[in-house]
């Protein structure tokens, strides 16, 4: 039986049209000796890391946003960033939206 985090990496890899990077990512190298970074490889120009955690604070907070959206017949996007850092944000979306976003990367549209 596959470990659940490995199955998660494989699932995400399918979304992007890539494959799971074995050997915990940072320990894997290509034939020419360069590191293969990220949990998913085979996606040009993108580093994809997958985490499967017991609890994730942005997702816990996003559940409220998702509930409010559902109650009002709408879709949701929950966005967070750290105070003082305008360059990095965290988007929380439902899994089907995440798959569609990954498909845009796979098609080279993003």
PDB file of N, CA and C in Angstrom:
ATOM      1  N   UNK A   1       0.848  -1.191   0.000  1.00  0.00           N
ATOM      2  CA  UNK A   1       0.000   0.000   0.000  1.00  0.00           C
ATOM      3  C   UNK A   1       0.887   1.245   0.000  1.00  0.00           C
ATOM      4  N   UNK A   2       0.567   2.165  -0.855  1.00  0.00           N
ATOM      5  CA  UNK A   2       1.304   3.421  -0.985  1.00  0.00           C
ATOM      6  C   UNK A   2       1.058   4.302   0.239  1.00  0.00           C
ATOM      7  N   UNK A   3       2.068   5.020   0.683  1.00  0.00           N
ATOM      8  CA  UNK A   3       1.877   5.999   1.750  1.00  0.00           C
ATOM      9  C   UNK A   3       0.985   7.106   1.207  1.00  0.00           C
ATOM     10  N   UNK A   4       0.142   7.679   2.055  1.00  0.00           N
ATOM     11  CA  UNK A   4      -0.829   8.668   1.576  1.00  0.00           C
ATOM     12  C   UNK A   4      -0.155   9.905   0.987  1.00  0.00           C
ATOM     13  N   UNK A   5       1.007  10.318   1.523  1.00  0.00           N
ATOM     14  CA  UNK A   5       1.676  11.497   0.961  1.00  0.00           C
ATOM     15  C   UNK A   5       2.221  11.209  -0.434  1.00  0.00           C
ATOM     16  N   UNK A   6       2.651   9.967  -0.693  1.00  0.00           N
ATOM     17  CA  UNK A   6       3.120   9.615  -2.036  1.00  0.00           C
ATOM     18  C   UNK A   6       1.947   9.603  -3.015  1.00  0.00           C
ATOM     19  N   UNK A   7       0.811   9.082  -2.572  1.00  0.00           N
ATOM     20  CA  UNK A   7      -0.384   9.073  -3.422  1.00  0.00           C
ATOM     21  C   UNK A   7      -0.815  10.511  -3.747  1.00  0.00           C
ATOM     22  N   UNK A   8      -0.711  11.399  -2.754  1.00  0.00           N
ATOM     23  CA  UNK A   8      -1.050  12.813  -2.963  1.00  0.00           C
ATOM     24  C   UNK A   8      -0.126  13.432  -4.014  1.00  0.00           C
ATOM     25  N   UNK A   9       1.180  13.169  -3.905  1.00  0.00           N
ATOM     26  CA  UNK A   9       2.129  13.686  -4.899  1.00  0.00           C
ATOM     27  C   UNK A   9       1.803  13.160  -6.289  1.00  0.00           C
ATOM     28  N   UNK A  10       1.451  11.879  -6.399  1.00  0.00           N
ATOM     29  CA  UNK A  10       1.096  11.311  -7.703  1.00  0.00           C
ATOM     30  C   UNK A  10      -0.162  11.962  -8.269  1.00  0.00           C
ATOM     31  N   UNK A  11      -1.145  12.194  -7.407  1.00  0.00           N
ATOM     32  CA  UNK A  11      -2.378  12.836  -7.858  1.00  0.00           C
ATOM     33  C   UNK A  11      -2.103  14.233  -8.396  1.00  0.00           C
ATOM     34  N   UNK A  12      -1.353  15.020  -7.641  1.00  0.00           N
ATOM     35  CA  UNK A  12      -1.030  16.387  -8.074  1.00  0.00           C
ATOM     36  C   UNK A  12      -0.212  16.353  -9.363  1.00  0.00           C
ATOM     37  N   UNK A  13       0.716  15.417  -9.475  1.00  0.00           N
ATOM     38  CA  UNK A  13       1.525  15.292 -10.691  1.00  0.00           C
ATOM     39  C   UNK A  13       0.628  15.095 -11.911  1.00  0.00           C
ATOM     40  N   UNK A  14      -0.429  14.308 -11.777  1.00  0.00           N
ATOM     41  CA  UNK A  14      -1.370  14.089 -12.892  1.00  0.00           C
ATOM     42  C   UNK A  14      -2.044  15.393 -13.303  1.00  0.00           C
ATOM     43  N   UNK A  15      -2.381  16.223 -12.329  1.00  0.00           N
ATOM     44  CA  UNK A  15      -3.019  17.498 -12.638  1.00  0.00           C
ATOM     45  C   UNK A  15      -2.163  18.330 -13.569  1.00  0.00           C
ATOM     46  N   UNK A  16      -0.844  18.280 -13.355  1.00  0.00           N
ATOM     47  CA  UNK A  16       0.085  19.107 -14.122  1.00  0.00           C
ATOM     48  C   UNK A  16       0.669  18.382 -15.331  1.00  0.00           C
ATOM     49  N   UNK A  17       0.326  17.118 -15.493  1.00  0.00           N
ATOM     50  CA  UNK A  17       0.893  16.351 -16.596  1.00  0.00           C
ATOM     51  C   UNK A  17       2.329  15.945 -16.348  1.00  0.00           C
ATOM     52  N   UNK A  18       2.735  15.885 -15.085  1.00  0.00           N
ATOM     53  CA  UNK A  18       4.097  15.499 -14.715  1.00  0.00           C
ATOM     54  C   UNK A  18       4.087  14.144 -14.040  1.00  0.00           C
ATOM     55  N   UNK A  19       5.110  13.896 -13.259  1.00  0.00           N
ATOM     56  CA  UNK A  19       5.209  12.645 -12.505  1.00  0.00           C
ATOM     57  C   UNK A  19       5.840  12.934 -11.150  1.00  0.00           C
ATOM     58  N   UNK A  20       5.593  12.036 -10.218  1.00  0.00           N
ATOM     59  CA  UNK A  20       6.140  12.178  -8.870  1.00  0.00           C
ATOM     60  C   UNK A  20       7.656  12.050  -8.914  1.00  0.00           C
ATOM     61  N   UNK A  21       8.317  12.931  -8.195  1.00  0.00           N
ATOM     62  CA  UNK A  21       9.769  12.908  -8.083  1.00  0.00           C
ATOM     63  C   UNK A  21      10.140  11.980  -6.926  1.00  0.00           C
ATOM     64  N   UNK A  22      10.750  10.832  -7.207  1.00  0.00           N
ATOM     65  CA  UNK A  22      11.099   9.915  -6.116  1.00  0.00           C
ATOM     66  C   UNK A  22      12.265  10.455  -5.282  1.00  0.00           C
ATOM     67  N   UNK A  23      12.549   9.781  -4.221  1.00  0.00           N
ATOM     68  CA  UNK A  23      13.683  10.104  -3.344  1.00  0.00           C
ATOM     69  C   UNK A  23      13.539  11.464  -2.671  1.00  0.00           C
ATOM     70  N   UNK A  24      12.342  11.793  -2.271  1.00  0.00           N
ATOM     71  CA  UNK A  24      12.029  13.028  -1.547  1.00  0.00           C
ATOM     72  C   UNK A  24      12.534  14.283  -2.247  1.00  0.00           C
ATOM     73  N   UNK A  25      12.452  14.298  -3.551  1.00  0.00           N
ATOM     74  CA  UNK A  25      12.711  15.524  -4.296  1.00  0.00           C
ATOM     75  C   UNK A  25      14.133  16.008  -4.282  1.00  0.00           C
ATOM     76  N   UNK A  26      14.568  16.607  -3.207  1.00  0.00           N
ATOM     77  CA  UNK A  26      15.879  17.249  -3.155  1.00  0.00           C
ATOM     78  C   UNK A  26      17.032  16.254  -3.284  1.00  0.00           C
ATOM     79  N   UNK A  27      16.780  14.973  -3.047  1.00  0.00           N
ATOM     80  CA  UNK A  27      17.833  13.963  -3.144  1.00  0.00           C
ATOM     81  C   UNK A  27      17.950  13.377  -4.545  1.00  0.00           C
ATOM     82  N   UNK A  28      17.092  13.763  -5.449  1.00  0.00           N
ATOM     83  CA  UNK A  28      17.059  13.180  -6.787  1.00  0.00           C
ATOM     84  C   UNK A  28      17.841  14.064  -7.759  1.00  0.00           C
ATOM     85  N   UNK A  29      18.621  13.424  -8.639  1.00  0.00           N
ATOM     86  CA  UNK A  29      19.373  14.158  -9.661  1.00  0.00           C
ATOM     87  C   UNK A  29      19.101  13.549 -11.027  1.00  0.00           C
ATOM     88  N   UNK A  30      19.227  14.365 -12.062  1.00  0.00           N
ATOM     89  CA  UNK A  30      19.037  13.893 -13.430  1.00  0.00           C
ATOM     90  C   UNK A  30      20.309  13.191 -13.915  1.00  0.00           C
ATOM     91  N   UNK A  31      20.267  12.667 -15.111  1.00  0.00           N
ATOM     92  CA  UNK A  31      21.419  11.963 -15.671  1.00  0.00           C
ATOM     93  C   UNK A  31      22.657  12.854 -15.766  1.00  0.00           C
ATOM     94  N   UNK A  32      22.451  14.165 -15.970  1.00  0.00           N
ATOM     95  CA  UNK A  32      23.608  15.066 -16.081  1.00  0.00           C
ATOM     96  C   UNK A  32      24.082  15.591 -14.725  1.00  0.00           C
ATOM     97  N   UNK A  33      23.463  15.115 -13.623  1.00  0.00           N
ATOM     98  CA  UNK A  33      23.910  15.494 -12.291  1.00  0.00           C
ATOM     99  C   UNK A  33      23.209  16.688 -11.687  1.00  0.00           C
ATOM    100  N   UNK A  34      22.323  17.356 -12.429  1.00  0.00           N
ATOM    101  CA  UNK A  34      21.609  18.502 -11.855  1.00  0.00           C
ATOM    102  C   UNK A  34      20.449  18.006 -10.985  1.00  0.00           C
ATOM    103  N   UNK A  35      20.163  18.781  -9.940  1.00  0.00           N
ATOM    104  CA  UNK A  35      19.087  18.397  -9.020  1.00  0.00           C
ATOM    105  C   UNK A  35      17.726  18.535  -9.683  1.00  0.00           C
ATOM    106  N   UNK A  36      16.851  17.596  -9.380  1.00  0.00           N
ATOM    107  CA  UNK A  36      15.444  17.693  -9.781  1.00  0.00           C
ATOM    108  C   UNK A  36      14.697  18.202  -8.557  1.00  0.00           C
ATOM    109  N   UNK A  37      14.347  19.474  -8.563  1.00  0.00           N
ATOM    110  CA  UNK A  37      13.696  20.064  -7.396  1.00  0.00           C
ATOM    111  C   UNK A  37      12.186  19.912  -7.492  1.00  0.00           C
ATOM    112  N   UNK A  38      11.551  19.855  -6.347  1.00  0.00           N
ATOM    113  CA  UNK A  38      10.106  19.748  -6.280  1.00  0.00           C
ATOM    114  C   UNK A  38       9.646  18.307  -6.189  1.00  0.00           C
ATOM    115  N   UNK A  39       8.417  18.139  -5.741  1.00  0.00           N
ATOM    116  CA  UNK A  39       7.827  16.813  -5.610  1.00  0.00           C
ATOM    117  C   UNK A  39       7.278  16.301  -6.927  1.00  0.00           C
ATOM    118  N   UNK A  40       7.091  17.200  -7.889  1.00  0.00           N
ATOM    119  CA  UNK A  40       6.579  16.838  -9.209  1.00  0.00           C
ATOM    120  C   UNK A  40       7.597  17.282 -10.247  1.00  0.00           C
ATOM    121  N   UNK A  41       7.962  16.384 -11.147  1.00  0.00           N
ATOM    122  CA  UNK A  41       8.895  16.725 -12.230  1.00  0.00           C
ATOM    123  C   UNK A  41       8.191  16.518 -13.562  1.00  0.00           C
ATOM    124  N   UNK A  42       8.803  17.078 -14.599  1.00  0.00           N
ATOM    125  CA  UNK A  42       8.236  16.947 -15.933  1.00  0.00           C
ATOM    126  C   UNK A  42       7.273  18.057 -16.273  1.00  0.00           C
ATOM    127  N   UNK A  43       7.304  19.135 -15.506  1.00  0.00           N
ATOM    128  CA  UNK A  43       6.465  20.301 -15.768  1.00  0.00           C
ATOM    129  C   UNK A  43       7.421  21.457 -16.032  1.00  0.00           C
ATOM    130  N   UNK A  44       7.529  21.857 -17.288  1.00  0.00           N
ATOM    131  CA  UNK A  44       8.501  22.885 -17.664  1.00  0.00           C
ATOM    132  C   UNK A  44       8.270  24.198 -16.927  1.00  0.00           C
ATOM    133  N   UNK A  45       9.359  24.734 -16.383  1.00  0.00           N
ATOM    134  CA  UNK A  45       9.342  26.066 -15.785  1.00  0.00           C
ATOM    135  C   UNK A  45       8.600  26.183 -14.468  1.00  0.00           C
ATOM    136  N   UNK A  46       8.337  25.060 -13.791  1.00  0.00           N
ATOM    137  CA  UNK A  46       7.539  25.111 -12.577  1.00  0.00           C
ATOM    138  C   UNK A  46       8.109  24.165 -11.525  1.00  0.00           C
ATOM    139  N   UNK A  47       8.195  24.629 -10.294  1.00  0.00           N
ATOM    140  CA  UNK A  47       8.544  23.765  -9.168  1.00  0.00           C
ATOM    141  C   UNK A  47       7.252  23.539  -8.383  1.00  0.00           C
ATOM    142  N   UNK A  48       6.853  22.276  -8.258  1.00  0.00           N
ATOM    143  CA  UNK A  48       5.620  21.922  -7.556  1.00  0.00           C
ATOM    144  C   UNK A  48       5.978  21.121  -6.308  1.00  0.00           C
ATOM    145  N   UNK A  49       5.643  21.646  -5.149  1.00  0.00           N
ATOM    146  CA  UNK A  49       5.825  20.961  -3.871  1.00  0.00           C
ATOM    147  C   UNK A  49       4.450  20.566  -3.350  1.00  0.00           C
ATOM    148  N   UNK A  50       4.332  19.377  -2.819  1.00  0.00           N
ATOM    149  CA  UNK A  50       3.071  18.878  -2.271  1.00  0.00           C
ATOM    150  C   UNK A  50       3.251  18.587  -0.791  1.00  0.00           C
ATOM    151  N   UNK A  51       2.343  19.052   0.001  1.00  0.00           N
ATOM    152  CA  UNK A  51       2.376  18.769   1.429  1.00  0.00           C
ATOM    153  C   UNK A  51       1.040  18.164   1.827  1.00  0.00           C
ATOM    154  N   UNK A  52       1.092  17.113   2.616  1.00  0.00           N
ATOM    155  CA  UNK A  52      -0.102  16.480   3.169  1.00  0.00           C
ATOM    156  C   UNK A  52       0.054  16.522   4.680  1.00  0.00           C
ATOM    157  N   UNK A  53      -0.649  17.459   5.304  1.00  0.00           N
ATOM    158  CA  UNK A  53      -0.484  17.722   6.729  1.00  0.00           C
ATOM    159  C   UNK A  53      -1.794  17.473   7.469  1.00  0.00           C
ATOM    160  N   UNK A  54      -1.692  17.207   8.747  1.00  0.00           N
ATOM    161  CA  UNK A  54      -2.875  16.970   9.558  1.00  0.00           C
ATOM    162  C   UNK A  54      -3.753  18.216   9.614  1.00  0.00           C
ATOM    163  N   UNK A  55      -3.126  19.372   9.726  1.00  0.00           N
ATOM    164  CA  UNK A  55      -3.878  20.616   9.824  1.00  0.00           C
ATOM    165  C   UNK A  55      -3.069  21.743   9.181  1.00  0.00           C
ATOM    166  N   UNK A  56      -3.737  22.574   8.411  1.00  0.00           N
ATOM    167  CA  UNK A  56      -3.089  23.696   7.743  1.00  0.00           C
ATOM    168  C   UNK A  56      -3.915  24.945   8.048  1.00  0.00           C
ATOM    169  N   UNK A  57      -3.301  25.920   8.697  1.00  0.00           N
ATOM    170  CA  UNK A  57      -4.031  27.096   9.173  1.00  0.00           C
ATOM    171  C   UNK A  57      -4.816  27.811   8.067  1.00  0.00           C
ATOM    172  N   UNK A  58      -4.230  28.110   6.893  1.00  0.00           N
ATOM    173  CA  UNK A  58      -5.031  28.795   5.868  1.00  0.00           C
ATOM    174  C   UNK A  58      -6.254  27.979   5.431  1.00  0.00           C
ATOM    175  N   UNK A  59      -6.118  26.666   5.396  1.00  0.00           N
ATOM    176  CA  UNK A  59      -7.261  25.833   4.999  1.00  0.00           C
ATOM    177  C   UNK A  59      -8.319  25.843   6.095  1.00  0.00           C
ATOM    178  N   UNK A  60      -7.892  25.794   7.344  1.00  0.00           N
ATOM    179  CA  UNK A  60      -8.867  25.888   8.444  1.00  0.00           C
ATOM    180  C   UNK A  60      -9.662  27.180   8.331  1.00  0.00           C
ATOM    181  N   UNK A  61      -8.976  28.284   8.084  1.00  0.00           N
ATOM    182  CA  UNK A  61      -9.668  29.569   7.963  1.00  0.00           C
ATOM    183  C   UNK A  61     -10.525  29.627   6.705  1.00  0.00           C
ATOM    184  N   UNK A  62     -10.076  28.985   5.631  1.00  0.00           N
ATOM    185  CA  UNK A  62     -10.815  29.003   4.364  1.00  0.00           C
ATOM    186  C   UNK A  62     -12.132  28.239   4.459  1.00  0.00           C
ATOM    187  N   UNK A  63     -12.225  27.301   5.381  1.00  0.00           N
ATOM    188  CA  UNK A  63     -13.483  26.552   5.530  1.00  0.00           C
ATOM    189  C   UNK A  63     -14.660  27.491   5.796  1.00  0.00           C
ATOM    190  N   UNK A  64     -14.414  28.563   6.533  1.00  0.00           N
ATOM    191  CA  UNK A  64     -15.470  29.551   6.785  1.00  0.00           C
ATOM    192  C   UNK A  64     -15.866  30.240   5.487  1.00  0.00           C
ATOM    193  N   UNK A  65     -14.871  30.637   4.703  1.00  0.00           N
ATOM    194  CA  UNK A  65     -15.145  31.272   3.411  1.00  0.00           C
ATOM    195  C   UNK A  65     -15.932  30.318   2.514  1.00  0.00           C
ATOM    196  N   UNK A  66     -15.525  29.053   2.484  1.00  0.00           N
ATOM    197  CA  UNK A  66     -16.206  28.056   1.651  1.00  0.00           C
ATOM    198  C   UNK A  66     -17.645  27.857   2.111  1.00  0.00           C
ATOM    199  N   UNK A  67     -17.860  27.814   3.414  1.00  0.00           N
ATOM    200  CA  UNK A  67     -19.217  27.643   3.946  1.00  0.00           C
ATOM    201  C   UNK A  67     -20.099  28.830   3.568  1.00  0.00           C
ATOM    202  N   UNK A  68     -19.570  30.048   3.720  1.00  0.00           N
ATOM    203  CA  UNK A  68     -20.345  31.239   3.368  1.00  0.00           C
ATOM    204  C   UNK A  68     -20.695  31.243   1.879  1.00  0.00           C
ATOM    205  N   UNK A  69     -19.743  30.853   1.055  1.00  0.00           N
ATOM    206  CA  UNK A  69     -19.992  30.794  -0.388  1.00  0.00           C
ATOM    207  C   UNK A  69     -21.086  29.771  -0.699  1.00  0.00           C
ATOM    208  N   UNK A  70     -20.956  28.590  -0.108  1.00  0.00           N
ATOM    209  CA  UNK A  70     -21.937  27.517  -0.337  1.00  0.00           C
ATOM    210  C   UNK A  70     -23.337  27.965   0.088  1.00  0.00           C
ATOM    211  N   UNK A  71     -23.428  28.594   1.244  1.00  0.00           N
ATOM    212  CA  UNK A  71     -24.721  29.067   1.754  1.00  0.00           C
ATOM    213  C   UNK A  71     -25.353  30.112   0.847  1.00  0.00           C
ATOM    214  N   UNK A  72     -24.530  30.801   0.074  1.00  0.00           N
ATOM    215  CA  UNK A  72     -25.023  31.850  -0.822  1.00  0.00           C
ATOM    216  C   UNK A  72     -24.992  31.442  -2.286  1.00  0.00           C
ATOM    217  N   UNK A  73     -24.772  30.162  -2.540  1.00  0.00           N
ATOM    218  CA  UNK A  73     -24.802  29.651  -3.912  1.00  0.00           C
ATOM    219  C   UNK A  73     -23.673  30.173  -4.781  1.00  0.00           C
ATOM    220  N   UNK A  74     -22.516  30.418  -4.175  1.00  0.00           N
ATOM    221  CA  UNK A  74     -21.385  30.969  -4.923  1.00  0.00           C
ATOM    222  C   UNK A  74     -20.170  30.074  -4.760  1.00  0.00           C
ATOM    223  N   UNK A  75     -19.178  30.295  -5.618  1.00  0.00           N
ATOM    224  CA  UNK A  75     -17.875  29.643  -5.486  1.00  0.00           C
ATOM    225  C   UNK A  75     -17.007  30.510  -4.578  1.00  0.00           C
ATOM    226  N   UNK A  76     -15.869  29.974  -4.148  1.00  0.00           N
ATOM    227  CA  UNK A  76     -15.040  30.757  -3.234  1.00  0.00           C
ATOM    228  C   UNK A  76     -13.579  30.736  -3.659  1.00  0.00           C
ATOM    229  N   UNK A  77     -12.888  31.768  -3.248  1.00  0.00           N
ATOM    230  CA  UNK A  77     -11.429  31.842  -3.279  1.00  0.00           C
ATOM    231  C   UNK A  77     -11.040  32.506  -1.971  1.00  0.00           C
ATOM    232  N   UNK A  78     -10.154  31.868  -1.233  1.00  0.00           N
ATOM    233  CA  UNK A  78      -9.662  32.418   0.032  1.00  0.00           C
ATOM    234  C   UNK A  78      -8.199  32.769  -0.184  1.00  0.00           C
ATOM    235  N   UNK A  79      -7.824  34.027   0.057  1.00  0.00           N
ATOM    236  CA  UNK A  79      -6.469  34.504  -0.217  1.00  0.00           C
ATOM    237  C   UNK A  79      -5.875  35.090   1.057  1.00  0.00           C
ATOM    238  N   UNK A  80      -4.640  34.700   1.353  1.00  0.00           N
ATOM    239  CA  UNK A  80      -3.933  35.227   2.516  1.00  0.00           C
ATOM    240  C   UNK A  80      -2.514  35.620   2.123  1.00  0.00           C
ATOM    241  N   UNK A  81      -1.957  36.591   2.866  1.00  0.00           N
ATOM    242  CA  UNK A  81      -0.542  36.919   2.743  1.00  0.00           C
ATOM    243  C   UNK A  81      -0.055  37.389   4.092  1.00  0.00           C
ATOM    244  N   UNK A  82       1.261  37.369   4.258  1.00  0.00           N
ATOM    245  CA  UNK A  82       1.855  37.859   5.493  1.00  0.00           C
ATOM    246  C   UNK A  82       1.985  39.376   5.422  1.00  0.00           C
ATOM    247  N   UNK A  83       1.757  40.016   6.544  1.00  0.00           N
ATOM    248  CA  UNK A  83       1.936  41.459   6.630  1.00  0.00           C
ATOM    249  C   UNK A  83       3.383  41.783   6.278  1.00  0.00           C
ATOM    250  N   UNK A  84       3.586  42.746   5.407  1.00  0.00           N
ATOM    251  CA  UNK A  84       4.928  43.158   5.022  1.00  0.00           C
ATOM    252  C   UNK A  84       5.480  42.423   3.806  1.00  0.00           C
ATOM    253  N   UNK A  85       4.809  41.382   3.349  1.00  0.00           N
ATOM    254  CA  UNK A  85       5.271  40.637   2.167  1.00  0.00           C
ATOM    255  C   UNK A  85       4.193  40.692   1.098  1.00  0.00           C
ATOM    256  N   UNK A  86       4.391  41.558   0.117  1.00  0.00           N
ATOM    257  CA  UNK A  86       3.412  41.724  -0.948  1.00  0.00           C
ATOM    258  C   UNK A  86       3.688  40.815  -2.143  1.00  0.00           C
ATOM    259  N   UNK A  87       4.760  40.049  -2.093  1.00  0.00           N
ATOM    260  CA  UNK A  87       5.177  39.240  -3.238  1.00  0.00           C
ATOM    261  C   UNK A  87       4.644  37.810  -3.212  1.00  0.00           C
ATOM    262  N   UNK A  88       4.218  37.328  -2.046  1.00  0.00           N
ATOM    263  CA  UNK A  88       3.815  35.937  -1.925  1.00  0.00           C
ATOM    264  C   UNK A  88       2.441  35.859  -1.261  1.00  0.00           C
ATOM    265  N   UNK A  89       1.513  35.173  -1.917  1.00  0.00           N
ATOM    266  CA  UNK A  89       0.175  34.990  -1.357  1.00  0.00           C
ATOM    267  C   UNK A  89      -0.183  33.509  -1.372  1.00  0.00           C
ATOM    268  N   UNK A  90      -1.136  33.165  -0.565  1.00  0.00           N
ATOM    269  CA  UNK A  90      -1.638  31.798  -0.487  1.00  0.00           C
ATOM    270  C   UNK A  90      -3.089  31.804  -0.949  1.00  0.00           C
ATOM    271  N   UNK A  91      -3.382  31.048  -2.003  1.00  0.00           N
ATOM    272  CA  UNK A  91      -4.745  30.878  -2.486  1.00  0.00           C
ATOM    273  C   UNK A  91      -5.260  29.540  -1.987  1.00  0.00           C
ATOM    274  N   UNK A  92      -6.449  29.510  -1.441  1.00  0.00           N
ATOM    275  CA  UNK A  92      -7.110  28.252  -1.098  1.00  0.00           C
ATOM    276  C   UNK A  92      -8.368  28.181  -1.943  1.00  0.00           C
ATOM    277  N   UNK A  93      -8.474  27.109  -2.722  1.00  0.00           N
ATOM    278  CA  UNK A  93      -9.630  26.893  -3.591  1.00  0.00           C
ATOM    279  C   UNK A  93     -10.066  25.440  -3.457  1.00  0.00           C
ATOM    280  N   UNK A  94     -11.242  25.119  -3.985  1.00  0.00           N
ATOM    281  CA  UNK A  94     -11.686  23.730  -3.961  1.00  0.00           C
ATOM    282  C   UNK A  94     -10.852  22.919  -4.955  1.00  0.00           C
ATOM    283  N   UNK A  95     -10.864  21.606  -4.792  1.00  0.00           N
ATOM    284  CA  UNK A  95      -9.986  20.726  -5.575  1.00  0.00           C
ATOM    285  C   UNK A  95     -10.262  20.814  -7.075  1.00  0.00           C
ATOM    286  N   UNK A  96     -11.518  20.975  -7.482  1.00  0.00           N
ATOM    287  CA  UNK A  96     -11.810  21.062  -8.916  1.00  0.00           C
ATOM    288  C   UNK A  96     -11.232  22.331  -9.519  1.00  0.00           C
ATOM    289  N   UNK A  97     -11.285  23.438  -8.796  1.00  0.00           N
ATOM    290  CA  UNK A  97     -10.667  24.679  -9.272  1.00  0.00           C
ATOM    291  C   UNK A  97      -9.153  24.511  -9.341  1.00  0.00           C
ATOM    292  N   UNK A  98      -8.569  23.851  -8.344  1.00  0.00           N
ATOM    293  CA  UNK A  98      -7.124  23.603  -8.351  1.00  0.00           C
ATOM    294  C   UNK A  98      -6.726  22.786  -9.581  1.00  0.00           C
ATOM    295  N   UNK A  99      -7.511  21.773  -9.922  1.00  0.00           N
ATOM    296  CA  UNK A  99      -7.213  20.959 -11.104  1.00  0.00           C
ATOM    297  C   UNK A  99      -7.287  21.798 -12.380  1.00  0.00           C
ATOM    298  N   UNK A 100      -8.265  22.702 -12.446  1.00  0.00           N
ATOM    299  CA  UNK A 100      -8.377  23.556 -13.641  1.00  0.00           C
ATOM    300  C   UNK A 100      -7.192  24.508 -13.747  1.00  0.00           C
ATOM    301  N   UNK A 101      -6.743  25.053 -12.621  1.00  0.00           N
ATOM    302  CA  UNK A 101      -5.569  25.932 -12.619  1.00  0.00           C
ATOM    303  C   UNK A 101      -4.342  25.144 -13.063  1.00  0.00           C
ATOM    304  N   UNK A 102      -4.169  23.931 -12.530  1.00  0.00           N
ATOM    305  CA  UNK A 102      -3.042  23.092 -12.938  1.00  0.00           C
ATOM    306  C   UNK A 102      -3.103  22.801 -14.431  1.00  0.00           C
ATOM    307  N   UNK A 103      -4.297  22.595 -14.956  1.00  0.00           N
ATOM    308  CA  UNK A 103      -4.459  22.354 -16.391  1.00  0.00           C
ATOM    309  C   UNK A 103      -3.998  23.539 -17.230  1.00  0.00           C
ATOM    310  N   UNK A 104      -4.195  24.747 -16.735  1.00  0.00           N
ATOM    311  CA  UNK A 104      -3.725  25.940 -17.441  1.00  0.00           C
ATOM    312  C   UNK A 104      -2.193  25.940 -17.511  1.00  0.00           C
ATOM    313  N   UNK A 105      -1.544  25.539 -16.415  1.00  0.00           N
ATOM    314  CA  UNK A 105      -0.084  25.408 -16.422  1.00  0.00           C
ATOM    315  C   UNK A 105       0.329  24.342 -17.427  1.00  0.00           C
ATOM    316  N   UNK A 106      -0.361  23.210 -17.404  1.00  0.00           N
ATOM    317  CA  UNK A 106      -0.025  22.100 -18.283  1.00  0.00           C
ATOM    318  C   UNK A 106      -0.136  22.519 -19.749  1.00  0.00           C
ATOM    319  N   UNK A 107      -1.114  23.345 -20.061  1.00  0.00           N
ATOM    320  CA  UNK A 107      -1.331  23.801 -21.430  1.00  0.00           C
ATOM    321  C   UNK A 107      -0.445  24.992 -21.797  1.00  0.00           C
ATOM    322  N   UNK A 108       0.344  25.480 -20.844  1.00  0.00           N
ATOM    323  CA  UNK A 108       1.226  26.617 -21.113  1.00  0.00           C
ATOM    324  C   UNK A 108       0.500  27.948 -21.164  1.00  0.00           C
ATOM    325  N   UNK A 109      -0.680  28.022 -20.592  1.00  0.00           N
ATOM    326  CA  UNK A 109      -1.474  29.264 -20.614  1.00  0.00           C
ATOM    327  C   UNK A 109      -1.162  30.164 -19.429  1.00  0.00           C
ATOM    328  N   UNK A 110      -0.410  29.655 -18.464  1.00  0.00           N
ATOM    329  CA  UNK A 110      -0.027  30.458 -17.277  1.00  0.00           C
ATOM    330  C   UNK A 110       1.475  30.408 -17.161  1.00  0.00           C
TER     331      UNK A 110
END
